[in-house]
Amino acid sequence: MWSKSRAAASSLLCLLCGALQADIVITQLANEGVIIEGGQTRIMIDGMVVETYSIYGGLPAAAIPDFRAAGGAFADIDLALVSHRHHDHNQPRFACEFMQASSDTRLETSAQVLGLMREKCREFVTTSPRIKKIDPQYGAHHVITKSDARVTVFPLSHGTRKYARIQNYGHLVEVGGIALLHIGDAAMNAADFERAGLDEQRVDVALIPFWFFQPGPGAEVIETYMDAALKIAVHIPPGEMEEVKEYMAENFPKVLILEQPLEQVRFSAASPPPP
């Protein structure tokens, strides 16, 4: 269960003053893929996506050799986490390649994600001690600790009808003194965020799919459950980037957009992210 603390900073500078224990770096990958680095720990969420899929992006060609070798920007990943099985969030063949190339990365994710990976590298998935199936529930979240980081994994509904059975996980990463929220493809359902306990959780940095900012129920969900000092709009199709940027600049000018894979935002008490 979440901590009962609802203490929130009145401003970003106040948030970081005296709280930030390490520099934080967020690296944008494809779609909702990110690498979060703080202190001694590097965590990748939804980052094992290489090829374009439908309208969504992949990695630039120059970055693919590093990905396949678990080197460069993809070196020294401590934890690989996946929100759900859809190919714009995890591509099984490339997930197998990355995990086999890395000697230390731990992967903790759902049975659905691992089921698709087994089709590409069955022996590795079923025998590697670095791969763990998890099944967090409402009221019984899964907690991962690694060095100076703590990750809480919890369910958030992907939606109704054909999406109702998709195991979609949210991740709250606590590192360097701040809390970063990644929600995968969560439905814009306030009751589900409430059920997940996010009404009781401080969030300092929120990675939010861009459609939450469009007219509709997303605005209320953001205000109540993801009103972080730093909001980053993610999962923007490359072909819609300019249109989304124009809309966001007019309606949500303080929300950050990282436009290209491997683009970064870096902040510390001395150099905070933009308010």
Protein backbone atom coordinates (compact mmCIF):
# COMPACT_ATOMS: atom_id res chain seq x y z
CA MET A 1 0.00 0.00 0.00
CA TRP A 2 1.03 3.58 -0.48
CA SER A 3 2.39 5.77 2.26
CA LYS A 4 -0.30 8.06 3.66
CA SER A 5 1.84 11.16 3.14
CA ARG A 6 0.28 13.80 0.88
CA ALA A 7 2.97 16.39 1.47
CA ALA A 8 3.64 18.23 -1.80
CA ALA A 9 6.02 21.00 -2.65
CA SER A 10 4.50 24.43 -3.20
CA SER A 11 6.95 24.99 -6.03
CA LEU A 12 9.53 23.04 -7.94
CA LEU A 13 12.41 24.90 -6.34
CA CYS A 14 10.99 24.21 -2.89
CA LEU A 15 10.56 20.56 -3.86
CA LEU A 16 14.21 20.15 -4.75
CA CYS A 17 15.65 22.29 -1.99
CA GLY A 18 16.99 19.93 0.64
CA ALA A 19 15.26 16.89 -0.94
CA LEU A 20 17.27 16.03 -4.03
CA GLN A 21 19.96 13.52 -3.08
CA ALA A 22 21.43 12.95 -6.54
CA ASP A 23 21.33 14.39 -10.03
CA ILE A 24 18.41 12.98 -12.00
CA VAL A 25 18.56 12.30 -15.74
CA ILE A 26 15.54 11.25 -17.81
CA THR A 27 16.32 9.99 -21.31
CA GLN A 28 13.47 9.77 -23.80
CA LEU A 29 13.37 6.60 -25.94
CA ALA A 30 10.52 5.59 -28.27
CA ASN A 31 6.89 6.35 -27.37
CA GLU A 32 6.67 5.95 -23.58
CA GLY A 33 10.15 4.49 -23.27
CA VAL A 34 12.46 6.22 -20.79
CA ILE A 35 15.66 5.64 -18.89
CA ILE A 36 15.64 7.13 -15.40
CA GLU A 37 19.01 7.59 -13.79
CA GLY A 38 19.69 8.84 -10.28
CA GLY A 39 22.62 8.13 -8.02
CA GLN A 40 23.84 4.58 -8.56
CA THR A 41 20.80 3.21 -10.37
CA ARG A 42 19.60 3.17 -14.00
CA ILE A 43 16.02 2.06 -14.66
CA MET A 44 14.47 1.56 -18.10
CA ILE A 45 10.69 1.47 -18.57
CA ASP A 46 9.08 0.48 -21.89
CA GLY A 47 12.48 0.92 -23.49
CA MET A 48 12.90 -2.31 -25.47
CA VAL A 49 11.25 -0.86 -28.57
CA VAL A 50 13.39 -0.59 -31.70
CA GLU A 51 11.18 -0.65 -34.79
CA THR A 52 8.35 1.68 -35.72
CA TYR A 53 4.95 0.17 -35.00
CA SER A 54 1.75 1.48 -36.56
CA ILE A 55 1.88 5.29 -36.17
CA TYR A 56 4.41 5.09 -33.33
CA GLY A 57 8.15 5.54 -33.42
CA GLY A 58 11.23 3.46 -32.84
CA LEU A 59 14.91 4.16 -32.24
CA PRO A 60 17.06 6.08 -34.70
CA ALA A 61 19.26 3.77 -36.77
CA ALA A 62 22.43 5.10 -35.13
CA ALA A 63 21.22 3.99 -31.69
CA ILE A 64 20.28 0.42 -32.59
CA PRO A 65 23.80 -1.11 -32.36
CA ASP A 66 24.15 0.26 -28.81
CA PHE A 67 20.76 -1.16 -27.90
CA ARG A 68 21.60 -4.59 -29.28
CA ALA A 69 24.92 -4.60 -27.43
CA ALA A 70 23.46 -3.12 -24.23
CA GLY A 71 26.05 -0.39 -24.60
CA GLY A 72 26.23 3.38 -24.96
CA ALA A 73 23.04 4.98 -23.66
CA PHE A 74 21.76 1.45 -22.90
CA ALA A 75 24.72 0.35 -20.79
CA ASP A 76 24.48 -0.53 -17.11
CA ILE A 77 20.70 -0.76 -16.93
CA ASP A 78 19.91 -2.19 -13.50
CA LEU A 79 16.17 -2.72 -13.96
CA ALA A 80 14.11 -3.17 -17.12
CA LEU A 81 10.38 -2.74 -16.56
CA VAL A 82 7.49 -3.03 -19.01
CA SER A 83 4.03 -1.57 -18.55
CA HIS A 84 2.23 -3.98 -20.91
CA ARG A 85 2.53 -6.30 -23.88
CA HIS A 86 1.69 -3.99 -26.80
CA HIS A 87 4.44 -3.62 -29.38
CA ASP A 88 4.70 0.15 -29.05
CA HIS A 89 5.80 -0.53 -25.45
CA ASN A 90 7.75 -3.79 -25.75
CA GLN A 91 8.95 -5.70 -28.80
CA PRO A 92 9.64 -9.32 -27.80
CA ARG A 93 12.47 -10.06 -30.24
CA PHE A 94 14.36 -6.95 -29.25
CA ALA A 95 13.62 -7.50 -25.57
CA CYS A 96 15.25 -10.92 -25.89
CA GLU A 97 18.26 -9.43 -27.67
CA PHE A 98 18.76 -6.76 -25.04
CA MET A 99 18.37 -9.02 -22.04
CA GLN A 100 20.78 -11.58 -23.48
CA ALA A 101 23.33 -8.89 -24.35
CA SER A 102 23.21 -7.43 -20.85
CA SER A 103 24.83 -9.43 -18.10
CA ASP A 104 23.28 -7.65 -15.12
CA THR A 105 19.86 -6.20 -16.04
CA ARG A 106 16.88 -7.55 -14.11
CA LEU A 107 13.53 -7.70 -15.91
CA GLU A 108 10.37 -7.74 -13.81
CA THR A 109 7.06 -7.66 -15.66
CA SER A 110 3.75 -9.36 -16.33
CA ALA A 111 3.00 -12.89 -17.49
CA GLN A 112 1.58 -11.43 -20.71
CA VAL A 113 4.82 -9.66 -21.59
CA LEU A 114 6.93 -12.71 -20.76
CA GLY A 115 4.56 -14.95 -22.69
CA LEU A 116 5.30 -13.08 -25.91
CA MET A 117 9.03 -13.06 -25.15
CA ARG A 118 8.98 -16.85 -24.70
CA GLU A 119 8.00 -17.16 -28.35
CA LYS A 120 11.35 -15.58 -29.29
CA CYS A 121 13.75 -16.90 -26.61
CA ARG A 122 11.97 -19.60 -24.63
CA GLU A 123 14.95 -21.19 -22.89
CA PHE A 124 16.37 -17.86 -21.76
CA VAL A 125 13.04 -16.55 -20.44
CA THR A 126 12.25 -19.75 -18.58
CA THR A 127 15.69 -20.30 -17.03
CA SER A 128 17.31 -16.90 -16.46
CA PRO A 129 17.40 -15.84 -12.79
CA ARG A 130 17.32 -12.23 -14.00
CA ILE A 131 13.75 -12.50 -15.28
CA LYS A 132 10.86 -12.41 -12.86
CA LYS A 133 7.12 -12.61 -13.43
CA ILE A 134 5.18 -10.29 -11.18
CA ASP A 135 1.46 -9.93 -10.52
CA PRO A 136 0.74 -6.78 -8.51
CA GLN A 137 -2.83 -6.27 -7.35
CA TYR A 138 -4.85 -3.33 -6.06
CA GLY A 139 -3.95 -3.12 -2.39
CA ALA A 140 -1.03 -5.51 -2.85
CA HIS A 141 1.54 -3.64 -4.89
CA HIS A 142 4.87 -5.15 -5.91
CA VAL A 143 7.97 -3.36 -4.59
CA ILE A 144 11.42 -3.62 -6.17
CA THR A 145 14.51 -2.26 -4.46
CA LYS A 146 17.86 -1.79 -6.12
CA SER A 147 20.72 0.06 -4.49
CA ASP A 148 19.40 3.57 -3.81
CA ALA A 149 16.14 3.19 -5.77
CA ARG A 150 12.70 1.87 -4.91
CA VAL A 151 10.05 1.04 -7.53
CA THR A 152 6.42 0.37 -6.67
CA VAL A 153 4.48 -1.49 -9.38
CA PHE A 154 0.69 -1.46 -9.40
CA PRO A 155 -2.16 -2.20 -11.81
CA LEU A 156 -3.91 0.50 -13.81
CA SER A 157 -6.67 -0.49 -16.21
CA HIS A 158 -5.90 -0.26 -19.93
CA GLY A 159 -9.60 0.20 -20.67
CA THR A 160 -12.72 -1.76 -21.50
CA ARG A 161 -13.80 -4.33 -24.09
CA LYS A 162 -10.76 -5.69 -25.95
CA TYR A 163 -8.42 -3.80 -23.61
CA ALA A 164 -9.98 -5.01 -20.37
CA ARG A 165 -7.76 -8.10 -20.10
CA ILE A 166 -4.50 -6.31 -20.86
CA GLN A 167 -2.22 -6.31 -17.80
CA ASN A 168 -1.11 -2.68 -17.65
CA TYR A 169 1.21 -1.64 -14.83
CA GLY A 170 2.04 1.75 -13.43
CA HIS A 171 5.48 2.34 -11.93
CA LEU A 172 6.41 4.83 -9.23
CA VAL A 173 10.18 5.25 -9.17
CA GLU A 174 11.67 6.81 -6.05
CA VAL A 175 15.28 7.78 -6.60
CA GLY A 176 17.50 10.69 -5.65
CA GLY A 177 14.88 12.03 -3.26
CA ILE A 178 12.06 12.44 -5.79
CA ALA A 179 9.17 10.31 -7.07
CA LEU A 180 8.63 9.76 -10.81
CA LEU A 181 5.38 8.25 -12.14
CA HIS A 182 4.98 6.21 -15.35
CA ILE A 183 1.45 4.96 -16.07
CA GLY A 184 1.79 2.97 -19.30
CA ASP A 185 -1.43 3.17 -21.31
CA ALA A 186 -3.73 3.71 -18.36
CA ALA A 187 -7.36 4.49 -19.12
CA MET A 188 -8.55 8.00 -18.26
CA ASN A 189 -10.63 6.68 -15.38
CA ALA A 190 -10.37 8.62 -12.14
CA ALA A 191 -11.88 5.78 -10.12
CA ASP A 192 -9.11 3.44 -11.23
CA PHE A 193 -6.38 5.89 -10.19
CA GLU A 194 -8.16 6.19 -6.85
CA ARG A 195 -8.30 2.41 -6.53
CA ALA A 196 -4.57 2.24 -7.23
CA GLY A 197 -3.95 4.58 -4.28
CA LEU A 198 -2.52 7.48 -6.25
CA ASP A 199 -4.64 9.93 -4.27
CA GLU A 200 -2.34 9.21 -1.32
CA GLN A 201 0.97 9.40 -3.15
CA ARG A 202 3.26 12.36 -3.74
CA VAL A 203 4.37 12.62 -7.38
CA ASP A 204 7.17 15.01 -8.31
CA VAL A 205 7.65 14.09 -11.98
CA ALA A 206 4.84 12.58 -14.09
CA LEU A 207 5.24 11.00 -17.53
CA ILE A 208 1.79 11.45 -19.04
CA PRO A 209 0.48 10.19 -22.40
CA PHE A 210 -0.29 13.28 -24.46
CA TRP A 211 -3.97 12.42 -24.95
CA PHE A 212 -4.64 13.09 -21.26
CA PHE A 213 -4.14 16.77 -22.08
CA GLN A 214 -6.79 16.79 -24.81
CA PRO A 215 -10.36 17.88 -24.00
CA GLY A 216 -12.07 15.21 -21.93
CA PRO A 217 -11.66 13.39 -18.62
CA GLY A 218 -7.84 13.41 -18.66
CA ALA A 219 -7.54 16.93 -17.24
CA GLU A 220 -9.32 15.96 -14.02
CA VAL A 221 -7.17 12.85 -13.64
CA ILE A 222 -4.01 14.92 -14.07
CA GLU A 223 -5.13 17.55 -11.57
CA THR A 224 -6.11 15.03 -8.92
CA TYR A 225 -3.53 12.25 -9.31
CA MET A 226 -0.61 13.53 -11.42
CA ASP A 227 -0.29 17.19 -10.52
CA ALA A 228 3.49 16.95 -10.43
CA ALA A 229 5.87 19.89 -10.38
CA LEU A 230 7.30 18.57 -13.65
CA LYS A 231 4.94 17.03 -16.22
CA ILE A 232 6.32 15.43 -19.38
CA ALA A 233 3.99 14.60 -22.27
CA VAL A 234 4.92 11.25 -23.84
CA HIS A 235 3.75 8.72 -26.45
CA ILE A 236 3.45 11.32 -29.21
CA PRO A 237 3.42 9.79 -32.74
CA PRO A 238 6.27 11.30 -34.79
CA GLY A 239 3.85 12.32 -37.53
CA GLU A 240 1.76 14.30 -35.03
CA MET A 241 4.62 15.93 -33.14
CA GLU A 242 4.29 19.41 -34.63
CA GLU A 243 0.52 19.47 -34.16
CA VAL A 244 0.81 18.28 -30.56
CA LYS A 245 3.58 20.78 -29.80
CA GLU A 246 1.45 23.64 -31.10
CA TYR A 247 -1.56 22.53 -29.05
CA MET A 248 0.48 22.05 -25.89
CA ALA A 249 2.28 25.40 -26.26
CA GLU A 250 -1.09 27.14 -26.41
CA ASN A 251 -2.89 25.18 -23.69
CA PHE A 252 -0.22 23.67 -21.41
CA PRO A 253 2.94 25.72 -21.94
CA LYS A 254 4.65 24.45 -18.78
CA VAL A 255 4.45 20.78 -19.82
CA LEU A 256 7.73 19.48 -21.17
CA ILE A 257 8.03 17.54 -24.45
CA LEU A 258 11.17 15.59 -25.31
CA GLU A 259 10.84 15.37 -29.08
CA GLN A 260 13.51 12.91 -30.13
CA PRO A 261 14.77 9.53 -28.85
CA LEU A 262 17.85 9.98 -26.64
CA GLU A 263 16.90 13.58 -25.81
CA GLN A 264 17.38 14.22 -22.11
CA VAL A 265 16.26 16.39 -19.25
CA ARG A 266 18.72 16.67 -16.38
CA PHE A 267 18.13 18.41 -13.09
CA SER A 268 19.56 18.84 -9.63
CA ALA A 269 19.15 21.23 -6.71
CA ALA A 270 21.59 23.54 -8.52
CA SER A 271 19.90 23.12 -11.92
CA PRO A 272 16.20 22.27 -11.53
CA PRO A 273 13.89 21.30 -14.39
CA PRO A 274 11.77 24.06 -15.88
CA PRO A 275 8.79 25.08 -13.69
